[in-house]
Amino acid sequence: MWGIIPAAGRGSRIQPLAFSKELLPVGSRKQGDAERPLAVSEHLIERMLLAGVDKLCIVISPGKSDILEYYGGRIGRAEICYVVQQSPAGLCDALFRALPFIAAAEMVCVGLPDTLWFPEDSLAQLGSEELNFLLFPVEQPQLFDAVELEPVNDSDRLDTNAPRRVRQIEVKAAAPRSHWVWGAFKLSGAVLRELHELWREPGRGDEYWGTLINAYLARGGRAWAAPIGQAYVDAGTLHGFRAANQLLEQMDEASAAGLASATDRGDGNGNGNGTLLARGIQARGAQVEFSVG
């Protein structure tokens, strides 16, 4: 299985930095008697490996050779290749740079390398649908791409991890109908090719993944989404960077205390609390909902 990591962005929200924002230190790991910092993108890679990824394609810009130097050609069991996005042209363009490597029958995981989310195995829990989004509840979905799901009966409210059909993606809408946002997704190589063909049509060239998915759905394509996520941070701002480290500290404290988190999920269309209660972090440009006990 492939994992695509779009890491060509300029990181303008957290400049000035002397290195790529994907290498920001967020948390640490013990290696024997020593402790070393973890790059924020390592958290995404760990989650991809848990999902079964054994091949990684990291999309970089010409000035981001430090990412190549940091990761080299392998991490864990996964071989790594690199492709270059010559100029910033949006997420769609970045993802399609990996297309020549991916067979139609292969599955692909996609995540954003400056985010941190839990549970760690939530990407592994996504089903086998050909296009499946991993959702997280946030308090300010207007800062993200909210996912509106097809309506269900009252007896089938969003209280399980079962995938639901996607109605539309609300791309940074001022008043989204859903407080669930996508943080990662899985799709087949065949669907990735379909989306590429749609993107190449005259007048398209979408910058945002959500607008392309909406066009795909309007033409009869299908997508699913699963409310598996519990905590999500965009670490690509100074405030988000602080929130990510704080979230890791809280997770470590919860793990050490042997406490379990609990959630009131709502129905995925803006009804219900939809946040993990009791211990929340909220920072400008970052959303975290996390609770213990």
C-alpha atoms as a PDB file:
ATOM      1  CA  MET A   1       0.000   0.000   0.000  1.00  0.00           C
ATOM      2  CA  TRP A   2       1.189   3.491  -0.872  1.00  0.00           C
ATOM      3  CA  GLY A   3       1.232   6.526   1.364  1.00  0.00           C
ATOM      4  CA  ILE A   4       1.358   9.991  -0.231  1.00  0.00           C
ATOM      5  CA  ILE A   5       2.653  12.846   1.908  1.00  0.00           C
ATOM      6  CA  PRO A   6       2.296  16.337   0.383  1.00  0.00           C
ATOM      7  CA  ALA A   7       5.212  18.293   1.854  1.00  0.00           C
ATOM      8  CA  ALA A   8       5.854  20.953  -0.784  1.00  0.00           C
ATOM      9  CA  GLY A   9       4.087  23.826   0.985  1.00  0.00           C
ATOM     10  CA  ARG A  10       5.999  26.960   1.931  1.00  0.00           C
ATOM     11  CA  GLY A  11       4.855  26.938   5.547  1.00  0.00           C
ATOM     12  CA  SER A  12       4.090  30.654   5.441  1.00  0.00           C
ATOM     13  CA  ARG A  13       1.883  30.456   8.562  1.00  0.00           C
ATOM     14  CA  ILE A  14       4.802  29.558  10.813  1.00  0.00           C
ATOM     15  CA  GLN A  15       7.759  31.397   9.292  1.00  0.00           C
ATOM     16  CA  PRO A  16      10.544  32.277   9.766  1.00  0.00           C
ATOM     17  CA  LEU A  17      12.050  28.807  10.059  1.00  0.00           C
ATOM     18  CA  ALA A  18      15.522  27.604   9.109  1.00  0.00           C
ATOM     19  CA  PHE A  19      14.110  24.237   7.995  1.00  0.00           C
ATOM     20  CA  SER A  20      10.967  22.689   6.506  1.00  0.00           C
ATOM     21  CA  LYS A  21       7.887  22.890   8.734  1.00  0.00           C
ATOM     22  CA  GLU A  22       7.366  19.145   8.323  1.00  0.00           C
ATOM     23  CA  LEU A  23      10.494  18.686  10.457  1.00  0.00           C
ATOM     24  CA  LEU A  24       9.239  20.754  13.393  1.00  0.00           C
ATOM     25  CA  PRO A  25       9.973  18.835  16.616  1.00  0.00           C
ATOM     26  CA  VAL A  26       6.719  17.655  18.171  1.00  0.00           C
ATOM     27  CA  GLY A  27       7.139  15.187  21.020  1.00  0.00           C
ATOM     28  CA  SER A  28       9.998  12.767  21.489  1.00  0.00           C
ATOM     29  CA  ARG A  29      10.864   9.072  21.660  1.00  0.00           C
ATOM     30  CA  LYS A  30      13.144   7.038  23.891  1.00  0.00           C
ATOM     31  CA  GLN A  31      15.817   5.087  22.040  1.00  0.00           C
ATOM     32  CA  GLY A  32      17.628   3.011  24.599  1.00  0.00           C
ATOM     33  CA  ASP A  33      18.879   5.371  27.269  1.00  0.00           C
ATOM     34  CA  ALA A  34      18.600   8.414  25.000  1.00  0.00           C
ATOM     35  CA  GLU A  35      15.612  10.530  24.054  1.00  0.00           C
ATOM     36  CA  ARG A  36      15.344  12.222  20.667  1.00  0.00           C
ATOM     37  CA  PRO A  37      12.792  14.690  19.297  1.00  0.00           C
ATOM     38  CA  LEU A  38      10.282  13.555  16.681  1.00  0.00           C
ATOM     39  CA  ALA A  39       9.550  15.558  13.544  1.00  0.00           C
ATOM     40  CA  VAL A  40       5.845  16.321  13.278  1.00  0.00           C
ATOM     41  CA  SER A  41       5.657  14.378  10.008  1.00  0.00           C
ATOM     42  CA  GLU A  42       6.956  11.252  11.744  1.00  0.00           C
ATOM     43  CA  HIS A  43       3.654  10.990  13.588  1.00  0.00           C
ATOM     44  CA  LEU A  44       1.796  10.751  10.267  1.00  0.00           C
ATOM     45  CA  ILE A  45       4.270   8.193   8.928  1.00  0.00           C
ATOM     46  CA  GLU A  46       3.847   6.048  12.051  1.00  0.00           C
ATOM     47  CA  ARG A  47       0.079   6.072  11.532  1.00  0.00           C
ATOM     48  CA  MET A  48       0.484   5.156   7.870  1.00  0.00           C
ATOM     49  CA  LEU A  49       2.731   2.224   8.772  1.00  0.00           C
ATOM     50  CA  LEU A  50       0.094   1.021  11.234  1.00  0.00           C
ATOM     51  CA  ALA A  51      -2.406   1.110   8.349  1.00  0.00           C
ATOM     52  CA  GLY A  52      -0.220  -1.199   6.252  1.00  0.00           C
ATOM     53  CA  VAL A  53       1.675   1.307   4.109  1.00  0.00           C
ATOM     54  CA  ASP A  54       4.949  -0.130   2.814  1.00  0.00           C
ATOM     55  CA  LYS A  55       5.760   2.469   0.134  1.00  0.00           C
ATOM     56  CA  LEU A  56       5.896   6.216   0.721  1.00  0.00           C
ATOM     57  CA  CYS A  57       5.912   9.018  -1.827  1.00  0.00           C
ATOM     58  CA  ILE A  58       6.858  12.363  -0.304  1.00  0.00           C
ATOM     59  CA  VAL A  59       6.079  15.380  -2.490  1.00  0.00           C
ATOM     60  CA  ILE A  60       8.600  18.183  -1.910  1.00  0.00           C
ATOM     61  CA  SER A  61       9.455  21.527  -3.469  1.00  0.00           C
ATOM     62  CA  PRO A  62      12.933  22.257  -4.917  1.00  0.00           C
ATOM     63  CA  GLY A  63      14.056  23.983  -1.696  1.00  0.00           C
ATOM     64  CA  LYS A  64      13.138  21.166   0.667  1.00  0.00           C
ATOM     65  CA  SER A  65      16.096  18.830   0.363  1.00  0.00           C
ATOM     66  CA  ASP A  66      16.315  18.717   4.164  1.00  0.00           C
ATOM     67  CA  ILE A  67      13.307  16.359   4.166  1.00  0.00           C
ATOM     68  CA  LEU A  68      15.153  13.984   1.853  1.00  0.00           C
ATOM     69  CA  GLU A  69      18.253  14.214   4.055  1.00  0.00           C
ATOM     70  CA  TYR A  70      16.193  13.527   7.184  1.00  0.00           C
ATOM     71  CA  TYR A  71      14.287  10.466   5.971  1.00  0.00           C
ATOM     72  CA  GLY A  72      16.582   9.053   3.276  1.00  0.00           C
ATOM     73  CA  GLY A  73      15.258   6.045   1.381  1.00  0.00           C
ATOM     74  CA  ARG A  74      13.504   4.026   4.080  1.00  0.00           C
ATOM     75  CA  ILE A  75      11.678   4.376   7.374  1.00  0.00           C
ATOM     76  CA  GLY A  76      10.653   1.220   9.185  1.00  0.00           C
ATOM     77  CA  ARG A  77       9.501  -1.293   6.576  1.00  0.00           C
ATOM     78  CA  ALA A  78       8.525   1.402   4.071  1.00  0.00           C
ATOM     79  CA  GLU A  79      10.632   2.352   1.072  1.00  0.00           C
ATOM     80  CA  ILE A  80      10.542   6.091   0.254  1.00  0.00           C
ATOM     81  CA  CYS A  81      10.550   7.887  -3.086  1.00  0.00           C
ATOM     82  CA  TYR A  82      10.394  11.631  -3.665  1.00  0.00           C
ATOM     83  CA  VAL A  83       8.743  13.724  -6.348  1.00  0.00           C
ATOM     84  CA  VAL A  84       9.061  17.470  -6.877  1.00  0.00           C
ATOM     85  CA  GLN A  85       6.239  19.990  -7.144  1.00  0.00           C
ATOM     86  CA  GLN A  86       8.105  22.720  -8.978  1.00  0.00           C
ATOM     87  CA  SER A  87       5.875  25.553  -7.786  1.00  0.00           C
ATOM     88  CA  PRO A  88       3.059  25.741  -5.215  1.00  0.00           C
ATOM     89  CA  ALA A  89      -0.112  24.780  -7.079  1.00  0.00           C
ATOM     90  CA  GLY A  90      -2.339  23.327  -4.378  1.00  0.00           C
ATOM     91  CA  LEU A  91      -3.022  19.963  -2.802  1.00  0.00           C
ATOM     92  CA  CYS A  92      -4.545  18.336  -5.884  1.00  0.00           C
ATOM     93  CA  ASP A  93      -1.485  19.040  -8.021  1.00  0.00           C
ATOM     94  CA  ALA A  94       0.794  17.760  -5.249  1.00  0.00           C
ATOM     95  CA  LEU A  95      -1.052  14.459  -4.862  1.00  0.00           C
ATOM     96  CA  PHE A  96      -1.217  13.785  -8.586  1.00  0.00           C
ATOM     97  CA  ARG A  97       2.571  14.104  -8.811  1.00  0.00           C
ATOM     98  CA  ALA A  98       2.709  10.627  -7.250  1.00  0.00           C
ATOM     99  CA  LEU A  99       0.335   9.090  -9.812  1.00  0.00           C
ATOM    100  CA  PRO A 100       3.019   7.596 -12.151  1.00  0.00           C
ATOM    101  CA  PHE A 101       4.169   5.283  -9.348  1.00  0.00           C
ATOM    102  CA  ILE A 102       0.748   3.925  -8.371  1.00  0.00           C
ATOM    103  CA  ALA A 103      -1.075   1.036 -10.069  1.00  0.00           C
ATOM    104  CA  ALA A 104      -4.842   1.157 -10.425  1.00  0.00           C
ATOM    105  CA  ALA A 105      -5.282  -1.886  -8.171  1.00  0.00           C
ATOM    106  CA  GLU A 106      -3.182  -0.481  -5.322  1.00  0.00           C
ATOM    107  CA  MET A 107      -4.621   1.298  -2.292  1.00  0.00           C
ATOM    108  CA  VAL A 108      -3.307   4.686  -1.214  1.00  0.00           C
ATOM    109  CA  CYS A 109      -3.335   6.519   2.121  1.00  0.00           C
ATOM    110  CA  VAL A 110      -3.061  10.317   2.186  1.00  0.00           C
ATOM    111  CA  GLY A 111      -2.399  12.535   5.183  1.00  0.00           C
ATOM    112  CA  LEU A 112      -1.119  16.007   5.956  1.00  0.00           C
ATOM    113  CA  PRO A 113       2.403  16.052   7.447  1.00  0.00           C
ATOM    114  CA  ASP A 114       1.894  19.060   9.731  1.00  0.00           C
ATOM    115  CA  THR A 115      -1.031  17.541  11.641  1.00  0.00           C
ATOM    116  CA  LEU A 116      -1.269  15.400  14.749  1.00  0.00           C
ATOM    117  CA  TRP A 117      -4.271  13.204  15.485  1.00  0.00           C
ATOM    118  CA  PHE A 118      -5.548  10.344  17.594  1.00  0.00           C
ATOM    119  CA  PRO A 119      -6.258   7.455  17.848  1.00  0.00           C
ATOM    120  CA  GLU A 120      -3.006   6.391  16.251  1.00  0.00           C
ATOM    121  CA  ASP A 121      -4.616   3.368  14.580  1.00  0.00           C
ATOM    122  CA  SER A 122      -7.656   5.205  13.207  1.00  0.00           C
ATOM    123  CA  LEU A 123      -6.339   5.193   9.623  1.00  0.00           C
ATOM    124  CA  ALA A 124      -5.889   1.430   9.940  1.00  0.00           C
ATOM    125  CA  GLN A 125      -9.562   1.159  10.888  1.00  0.00           C
ATOM    126  CA  LEU A 126     -10.840   2.616   7.612  1.00  0.00           C
ATOM    127  CA  GLY A 127     -12.722   0.108   5.490  1.00  0.00           C
ATOM    128  CA  SER A 128     -12.085  -1.118   1.972  1.00  0.00           C
ATOM    129  CA  GLU A 129     -14.307   1.438   0.200  1.00  0.00           C
ATOM    130  CA  GLU A 130     -12.626   2.963  -2.860  1.00  0.00           C
ATOM    131  CA  LEU A 131     -12.658   6.477  -1.347  1.00  0.00           C
ATOM    132  CA  ASN A 132     -12.946   6.775   2.422  1.00  0.00           C
ATOM    133  CA  PHE A 133     -12.316   9.833   4.612  1.00  0.00           C
ATOM    134  CA  LEU A 134     -11.160   9.718   8.231  1.00  0.00           C
ATOM    135  CA  LEU A 135     -13.195  12.259  10.223  1.00  0.00           C
ATOM    136  CA  PHE A 136     -12.458  14.232  13.386  1.00  0.00           C
ATOM    137  CA  PRO A 137     -14.864  16.392  15.420  1.00  0.00           C
ATOM    138  CA  VAL A 138     -13.754  20.006  15.925  1.00  0.00           C
ATOM    139  CA  GLU A 139     -15.315  23.086  17.469  1.00  0.00           C
ATOM    140  CA  GLN A 140     -14.446  25.438  14.595  1.00  0.00           C
ATOM    141  CA  PRO A 141     -14.964  23.446  11.393  1.00  0.00           C
ATOM    142  CA  GLN A 142     -14.939  26.649   9.321  1.00  0.00           C
ATOM    143  CA  LEU A 143     -11.147  26.565   9.580  1.00  0.00           C
ATOM    144  CA  PHE A 144     -11.038  23.185   7.827  1.00  0.00           C
ATOM    145  CA  ASP A 145     -12.855  21.132   5.198  1.00  0.00           C
ATOM    146  CA  ALA A 146     -16.037  19.908   6.890  1.00  0.00           C
ATOM    147  CA  VAL A 147     -17.687  16.742   5.596  1.00  0.00           C
ATOM    148  CA  GLU A 148     -21.474  16.648   5.281  1.00  0.00           C
ATOM    149  CA  LEU A 149     -22.835  13.128   5.318  1.00  0.00           C
ATOM    150  CA  GLU A 150     -25.974  11.694   3.791  1.00  0.00           C
ATOM    151  CA  PRO A 151     -28.908  11.813   6.244  1.00  0.00           C
ATOM    152  CA  VAL A 152     -29.806   8.715   8.207  1.00  0.00           C
ATOM    153  CA  ASN A 153     -32.785   7.587  10.255  1.00  0.00           C
ATOM    154  CA  ASP A 154     -32.948   8.524  13.922  1.00  0.00           C
ATOM    155  CA  SER A 155     -32.347   4.875  14.732  1.00  0.00           C
ATOM    156  CA  ASP A 156     -29.040   4.984  12.862  1.00  0.00           C
ATOM    157  CA  ARG A 157     -27.413   8.112  14.270  1.00  0.00           C
ATOM    158  CA  LEU A 158     -23.686   8.650  14.124  1.00  0.00           C
ATOM    159  CA  ASP A 159     -22.833   6.671  17.227  1.00  0.00           C
ATOM    160  CA  THR A 160     -20.649   3.973  15.664  1.00  0.00           C
ATOM    161  CA  ASN A 161     -17.519   3.923  13.552  1.00  0.00           C
ATOM    162  CA  ALA A 162     -19.422   2.628  10.518  1.00  0.00           C
ATOM    163  CA  PRO A 163     -18.687   4.568   7.301  1.00  0.00           C
ATOM    164  CA  ARG A 164     -21.405   6.829   5.890  1.00  0.00           C
ATOM    165  CA  ARG A 165     -21.910   8.143   2.369  1.00  0.00           C
ATOM    166  CA  VAL A 166     -20.518  11.642   1.799  1.00  0.00           C
ATOM    167  CA  ARG A 167     -22.949  14.259   0.507  1.00  0.00           C
ATOM    168  CA  GLN A 168     -20.412  17.075   0.019  1.00  0.00           C
ATOM    169  CA  ILE A 169     -17.217  18.652   1.310  1.00  0.00           C
ATOM    170  CA  GLU A 170     -17.689  22.146   2.738  1.00  0.00           C
ATOM    171  CA  VAL A 171     -14.383  23.820   1.906  1.00  0.00           C
ATOM    172  CA  LYS A 172     -13.668  26.339   4.665  1.00  0.00           C
ATOM    173  CA  ALA A 173     -17.322  27.375   4.634  1.00  0.00           C
ATOM    174  CA  ALA A 174     -18.295  30.270   6.915  1.00  0.00           C
ATOM    175  CA  ALA A 175     -21.129  28.258   8.492  1.00  0.00           C
ATOM    176  CA  PRO A 176     -20.633  24.547   7.770  1.00  0.00           C
ATOM    177  CA  ARG A 177     -23.467  22.161   8.544  1.00  0.00           C
ATOM    178  CA  SER A 178     -21.090  19.564   9.972  1.00  0.00           C
ATOM    179  CA  HIS A 179     -18.492  19.786  12.721  1.00  0.00           C
ATOM    180  CA  TRP A 180     -16.682  16.696  11.384  1.00  0.00           C
ATOM    181  CA  VAL A 181     -13.623  17.464   9.233  1.00  0.00           C
ATOM    182  CA  TRP A 182     -11.416  15.154   7.237  1.00  0.00           C
ATOM    183  CA  GLY A 183      -7.872  14.618   8.480  1.00  0.00           C
ATOM    184  CA  ALA A 184      -6.737  11.788   6.191  1.00  0.00           C
ATOM    185  CA  PHE A 185      -8.232   9.481   3.591  1.00  0.00           C
ATOM    186  CA  LYS A 186      -7.732   6.240   1.726  1.00  0.00           C
ATOM    187  CA  LEU A 187      -8.546   5.570  -1.905  1.00  0.00           C
ATOM    188  CA  SER A 188      -7.750   3.164  -4.706  1.00  0.00           C
ATOM    189  CA  GLY A 189      -5.293   3.923  -7.462  1.00  0.00           C
ATOM    190  CA  ALA A 190      -8.183   3.605  -9.916  1.00  0.00           C
ATOM    191  CA  VAL A 191     -10.167   6.362  -8.188  1.00  0.00           C
ATOM    192  CA  LEU A 192      -7.035   8.512  -7.977  1.00  0.00           C
ATOM    193  CA  ARG A 193      -6.769   8.236 -11.765  1.00  0.00           C
ATOM    194  CA  GLU A 194     -10.454   9.109 -12.228  1.00  0.00           C
ATOM    195  CA  LEU A 195      -9.983  12.194 -10.084  1.00  0.00           C
ATOM    196  CA  HIS A 196      -6.885  13.154 -12.072  1.00  0.00           C
ATOM    197  CA  GLU A 197      -8.790  12.935 -15.353  1.00  0.00           C
ATOM    198  CA  LEU A 198     -11.543  15.107 -13.910  1.00  0.00           C
ATOM    199  CA  TRP A 199      -8.984  17.607 -12.580  1.00  0.00           C
ATOM    200  CA  ARG A 200      -7.364  17.890 -16.027  1.00  0.00           C
ATOM    201  CA  GLU A 201     -10.586  18.899 -17.751  1.00  0.00           C
ATOM    202  CA  PRO A 202     -10.646  22.449 -19.186  1.00  0.00           C
ATOM    203  CA  GLY A 203     -11.636  25.029 -16.609  1.00  0.00           C
ATOM    204  CA  ARG A 204     -10.872  22.831 -13.583  1.00  0.00           C
ATOM    205  CA  GLY A 205      -7.356  22.481 -12.165  1.00  0.00           C
ATOM    206  CA  ASP A 206      -8.771  22.622  -8.632  1.00  0.00           C
ATOM    207  CA  GLU A 207      -6.463  23.849  -5.903  1.00  0.00           C
ATOM    208  CA  TYR A 208      -8.526  22.299  -3.092  1.00  0.00           C
ATOM    209  CA  TRP A 209      -9.205  18.599  -2.754  1.00  0.00           C
ATOM    210  CA  GLY A 210     -12.723  19.276  -1.454  1.00  0.00           C
ATOM    211  CA  THR A 211     -13.892  21.102  -4.568  1.00  0.00           C
ATOM    212  CA  LEU A 212     -12.603  18.293  -6.763  1.00  0.00           C
ATOM    213  CA  ILE A 213     -14.388  15.686  -4.645  1.00  0.00           C
ATOM    214  CA  ASN A 214     -17.627  17.677  -4.908  1.00  0.00           C
ATOM    215  CA  ALA A 215     -17.349  17.631  -8.700  1.00  0.00           C
ATOM    216  CA  TYR A 216     -16.654  13.892  -8.579  1.00  0.00           C
ATOM    217  CA  LEU A 217     -19.743  13.309  -6.429  1.00  0.00           C
ATOM    218  CA  ALA A 218     -21.882  15.466  -8.713  1.00  0.00           C
ATOM    219  CA  ARG A 219     -20.977  13.169 -11.615  1.00  0.00           C
ATOM    220  CA  GLY A 220     -22.066  10.057  -9.786  1.00  0.00           C
ATOM    221  CA  GLY A 221     -18.892   9.202  -7.915  1.00  0.00           C
ATOM    222  CA  ARG A 222     -19.185   7.826  -4.410  1.00  0.00           C
ATOM    223  CA  ALA A 223     -17.249   8.535  -1.227  1.00  0.00           C
ATOM    224  CA  TRP A 224     -17.581   7.367   2.347  1.00  0.00           C
ATOM    225  CA  ALA A 225     -16.434   8.783   5.654  1.00  0.00           C
ATOM    226  CA  ALA A 226     -15.896   7.218   9.081  1.00  0.00           C
ATOM    227  CA  PRO A 227     -16.125   9.089  12.426  1.00  0.00           C
ATOM    228  CA  ILE A 228     -13.150   7.318  13.958  1.00  0.00           C
ATOM    229  CA  GLY A 229     -11.030  10.322  14.938  1.00  0.00           C
ATOM    230  CA  GLN A 230     -11.072  11.776  18.437  1.00  0.00           C
ATOM    231  CA  ALA A 231      -8.434  14.523  18.545  1.00  0.00           C
ATOM    232  CA  TYR A 232      -6.964  16.652  15.749  1.00  0.00           C
ATOM    233  CA  VAL A 233      -4.395  19.445  15.639  1.00  0.00           C
ATOM    234  CA  ASP A 234      -3.133  21.508  12.730  1.00  0.00           C
ATOM    235  CA  ALA A 235       0.466  22.089  13.870  1.00  0.00           C
ATOM    236  CA  GLY A 236       1.297  24.367  10.939  1.00  0.00           C
ATOM    237  CA  THR A 237       0.962  27.557  12.993  1.00  0.00           C
ATOM    238  CA  LEU A 238       2.774  28.714  16.121  1.00  0.00           C
ATOM    239  CA  HIS A 239      -0.407  28.232  18.148  1.00  0.00           C
ATOM    240  CA  GLY A 240      -0.996  24.817  16.624  1.00  0.00           C
ATOM    241  CA  PHE A 241       2.592  23.800  17.297  1.00  0.00           C
ATOM    242  CA  ARG A 242       2.106  24.579  20.982  1.00  0.00           C
ATOM    243  CA  ALA A 243      -1.238  22.774  21.019  1.00  0.00           C
ATOM    244  CA  ALA A 244       0.274  19.664  19.429  1.00  0.00           C
ATOM    245  CA  ASN A 245       2.945  19.389  22.094  1.00  0.00           C
ATOM    246  CA  GLN A 246       0.328  19.981  24.783  1.00  0.00           C
ATOM    247  CA  LEU A 247      -1.873  17.252  23.332  1.00  0.00           C
ATOM    248  CA  LEU A 248       1.021  14.781  23.406  1.00  0.00           C
ATOM    249  CA  GLU A 249       1.693  15.651  27.037  1.00  0.00           C
ATOM    250  CA  GLN A 250      -1.958  15.018  27.881  1.00  0.00           C
ATOM    251  CA  MET A 251      -1.931  11.705  26.021  1.00  0.00           C
ATOM    252  CA  ASP A 252       1.203  10.654  27.904  1.00  0.00           C
ATOM    253  CA  GLU A 253      -0.418  11.608  31.205  1.00  0.00           C
ATOM    254  CA  ALA A 254      -3.567   9.673  30.319  1.00  0.00           C
ATOM    255  CA  SER A 255      -1.547   6.627  29.273  1.00  0.00           C
ATOM    256  CA  ALA A 256       0.486   6.722  32.460  1.00  0.00           C
ATOM    257  CA  ALA A 257      -2.652   6.988  34.566  1.00  0.00           C
ATOM    258  CA  GLY A 258      -4.369   4.178  32.653  1.00  0.00           C
ATOM    259  CA  LEU A 259      -7.370   6.361  31.894  1.00  0.00           C
ATOM    260  CA  ALA A 260      -9.743   5.982  28.963  1.00  0.00           C
ATOM    261  CA  SER A 261     -11.173   8.731  26.813  1.00  0.00           C
ATOM    262  CA  ALA A 262     -14.880   9.138  26.148  1.00  0.00           C
ATOM    263  CA  THR A 263     -16.819  10.980  23.498  1.00  0.00           C
ATOM    264  CA  ASP A 264     -20.266  12.341  22.727  1.00  0.00           C
ATOM    265  CA  ARG A 265     -20.292  12.029  18.949  1.00  0.00           C
ATOM    266  CA  GLY A 266     -23.562  13.583  17.715  1.00  0.00           C
ATOM    267  CA  ASP A 267     -24.835  12.630  14.265  1.00  0.00           C
ATOM    268  CA  GLY A 268     -22.127  14.075  11.991  1.00  0.00           C
ATOM    269  CA  ASN A 269     -24.313  16.833  10.562  1.00  0.00           C
ATOM    270  CA  GLY A 270     -23.886  19.413  13.288  1.00  0.00           C
ATOM    271  CA  ASN A 271     -26.159  17.831  15.898  1.00  0.00           C
ATOM    272  CA  GLY A 272     -24.830  16.738  19.241  1.00  0.00           C
ATOM    273  CA  ASN A 273     -21.712  17.873  21.045  1.00  0.00           C
ATOM    274  CA  GLY A 274     -19.229  16.053  18.826  1.00  0.00           C
ATOM    275  CA  THR A 275     -16.243  16.853  21.022  1.00  0.00           C
ATOM    276  CA  LEU A 276     -14.165  14.875  23.407  1.00  0.00           C
ATOM    277  CA  LEU A 277     -15.131  16.469  26.694  1.00  0.00           C
ATOM    278  CA  ALA A 278     -13.319  17.349  29.939  1.00  0.00           C
ATOM    279  CA  ARG A 279      -9.862  18.361  28.708  1.00  0.00           C
ATOM    280  CA  GLY A 280      -9.869  20.616  25.670  1.00  0.00           C
ATOM    281  CA  ILE A 281      -7.237  22.696  23.973  1.00  0.00           C
ATOM    282  CA  GLN A 282      -8.300  25.396  21.591  1.00  0.00           C
ATOM    283  CA  ALA A 283      -5.756  27.611  19.868  1.00  0.00           C
ATOM    284  CA  ARG A 284      -6.028  30.016  16.974  1.00  0.00           C
ATOM    285  CA  GLY A 285      -5.548  27.925  13.844  1.00  0.00           C
ATOM    286  CA  ALA A 286      -5.655  24.624  15.785  1.00  0.00           C
ATOM    287  CA  GLN A 287      -8.492  22.547  17.134  1.00  0.00           C
ATOM    288  CA  VAL A 288      -8.044  19.900  19.780  1.00  0.00           C
ATOM    289  CA  GLU A 289     -10.721  18.053  21.660  1.00  0.00           C
ATOM    290  CA  PHE A 290      -9.463  15.515  24.142  1.00  0.00           C
ATOM    291  CA  SER A 291     -10.721  14.105  27.386  1.00  0.00           C
ATOM    292  CA  VAL A 292      -9.823  11.557  29.992  1.00  0.00           C
ATOM    293  CA  GLY A 293     -11.832   9.984  32.733  1.00  0.00           C
END
